[in-house]
Amino acid sequence: MQFIQVKNLTQSFETITNYFSPKVIAEVNDQYVKIAKIKGEDIPWHNHENEDELFYIIEGSLLMEIENEAPFTMHQNDVFVVKKGVNHRVSAVEECKIMLIETKTTLHTGKVQAAVTKSIEEQL
């Protein structure tokens, strides 16, 4: 028996009430597909020791900061991969909607604990 489940991104984003709080919307092999709303500067500098992290901008603009690099702004339809071990943080002046693709073991803010840190269980 085959199970088909279609997700609507607009409807999925409507269920997110807190910024910097990723929600898993799908699984692909050993990866989670997550969505999140970003606004403000609450994410601390962090890295993911063993996992790359893909950012895809659905709507709005996202400031991406990479340690020892010039910050850059991502816009709708932009994609960027933060490589494992690279310190980074993101922020947005206005609400930005993003999609993340991460290995299932990727911790939200790496080993850094902050007020916005969500466990993998909280993201499911």
Protein backbone atom coordinates (compact mmCIF):
# COMPACT_ATOMS: atom_id res chain seq x y z
CA MET A 1 0.00 0.00 0.00
CA GLN A 2 1.34 3.43 -0.96
CA PHE A 3 0.74 6.45 1.27
CA ILE A 4 0.70 9.89 -0.34
CA GLN A 5 0.76 13.06 1.74
CA VAL A 6 0.78 16.51 0.17
CA LYS A 7 1.70 19.53 2.30
CA ASN A 8 0.75 23.09 1.45
CA LEU A 9 3.51 25.52 2.51
CA THR A 10 1.15 28.46 3.01
CA GLN A 11 -1.04 26.41 5.36
CA SER A 12 2.01 24.94 7.11
CA PHE A 13 3.41 28.41 7.82
CA GLU A 14 0.07 29.44 9.35
CA THR A 15 0.66 26.88 12.12
CA ILE A 16 3.93 28.54 13.20
CA THR A 17 3.30 31.12 15.91
CA ASN A 18 6.85 31.72 17.22
CA TYR A 19 9.91 33.04 15.42
CA PHE A 20 13.07 30.88 15.32
CA SER A 21 10.97 27.77 15.99
CA PRO A 22 11.50 25.28 13.13
CA LYS A 23 8.83 22.70 12.40
CA VAL A 24 9.41 19.43 10.54
CA ILE A 25 7.04 19.13 7.59
CA ALA A 26 8.59 16.13 5.79
CA GLU A 27 11.30 13.49 5.86
CA VAL A 28 13.56 12.53 2.96
CA ASN A 29 15.83 9.58 3.74
CA ASP A 30 17.94 10.76 6.71
CA GLN A 31 16.94 14.41 6.30
CA TYR A 32 14.23 16.57 7.80
CA VAL A 33 12.57 19.26 5.73
CA LYS A 34 11.72 22.09 8.13
CA ILE A 35 10.09 25.49 7.87
CA ALA A 36 10.53 28.47 10.15
CA LYS A 37 9.68 32.13 10.49
CA ILE A 38 12.57 34.45 11.29
CA LYS A 39 12.31 37.97 12.71
CA GLY A 40 14.78 39.71 14.97
CA GLU A 41 18.25 38.69 16.11
CA ASP A 42 17.61 35.93 18.65
CA ILE A 43 19.72 33.13 17.15
CA PRO A 44 23.18 32.89 18.75
CA TRP A 45 26.39 32.19 16.88
CA HIS A 46 26.59 28.41 16.50
CA ASN A 47 27.71 25.59 14.24
CA HIS A 48 26.78 22.03 13.47
CA GLU A 49 29.89 19.88 13.92
CA ASN A 50 28.86 17.01 11.67
CA GLU A 51 26.07 18.28 9.44
CA ASP A 52 25.58 20.72 6.57
CA GLU A 53 22.45 22.91 6.70
CA LEU A 54 20.54 24.10 3.62
CA PHE A 55 18.62 27.40 3.76
CA TYR A 56 15.97 28.21 1.14
CA ILE A 57 14.18 31.56 1.32
CA ILE A 58 10.45 31.19 0.69
CA GLU A 59 9.45 34.80 1.40
CA GLY A 60 11.24 37.91 2.67
CA SER A 61 14.92 38.60 3.27
CA LEU A 62 17.37 36.92 5.63
CA LEU A 63 20.70 38.28 6.85
CA MET A 64 23.24 35.43 6.88
CA GLU A 65 26.36 35.92 8.96
CA ILE A 66 29.29 33.56 8.58
CA GLU A 67 32.22 33.93 10.97
CA ASN A 68 35.19 35.78 9.40
CA GLU A 69 33.15 36.59 6.25
CA ALA A 70 31.17 39.63 5.15
CA PRO A 71 27.46 39.26 6.02
CA PHE A 72 25.11 38.89 3.07
CA THR A 73 21.38 39.12 2.52
CA MET A 74 19.40 36.28 1.01
CA HIS A 75 16.12 36.96 -0.80
CA GLN A 76 13.13 34.95 -2.01
CA ASN A 77 14.20 31.80 -3.93
CA ASP A 78 17.85 32.03 -2.76
CA VAL A 79 19.53 28.85 -1.54
CA PHE A 80 22.66 28.61 0.62
CA VAL A 81 24.37 25.69 2.34
CA VAL A 82 26.23 26.29 5.60
CA LYS A 83 28.93 23.64 5.71
CA LYS A 84 29.49 21.57 8.83
CA GLY A 85 31.64 23.21 11.49
CA VAL A 86 31.07 26.77 10.18
CA ASN A 87 29.94 29.30 12.80
CA HIS A 88 26.90 31.22 11.63
CA ARG A 89 23.76 33.05 12.68
CA VAL A 90 20.75 34.51 10.91
CA SER A 91 18.42 37.43 11.47
CA ALA A 92 15.68 39.39 9.71
CA VAL A 93 14.31 42.91 10.15
CA GLU A 94 10.91 41.92 8.74
CA GLU A 95 9.35 38.46 8.91
CA CYS A 96 11.14 35.97 6.67
CA LYS A 97 9.86 32.48 5.85
CA ILE A 98 12.51 29.84 5.27
CA MET A 99 12.84 26.15 4.52
CA LEU A 100 15.69 24.15 6.02
CA ILE A 101 16.97 20.76 4.98
CA GLU A 102 19.03 19.13 7.70
CA THR A 103 20.21 15.71 8.78
CA LYS A 104 17.82 14.31 11.41
CA THR A 105 20.56 14.61 14.06
CA THR A 106 21.14 18.35 13.50
CA LEU A 107 20.64 20.29 16.74
CA HIS A 108 18.80 23.60 16.34
CA THR A 109 21.59 25.82 17.70
CA GLY A 110 24.37 23.25 17.76
CA LYS A 111 25.89 22.88 21.22
CA VAL A 112 24.88 26.44 22.14
CA GLN A 113 21.81 26.66 24.38
CA ALA A 114 19.71 29.83 24.12
CA ALA A 115 16.18 30.92 24.94
CA VAL A 116 15.10 30.06 21.37
CA THR A 117 16.77 26.62 21.22
CA LYS A 118 14.30 23.86 20.32
CA SER A 119 14.95 20.16 20.76
CA ILE A 120 14.39 17.85 17.81
CA GLU A 121 11.27 16.56 19.58
CA GLU A 122 9.88 20.11 19.85
CA GLN A 123 10.35 20.51 16.09
CA LEU A 124 8.31 17.41 15.20
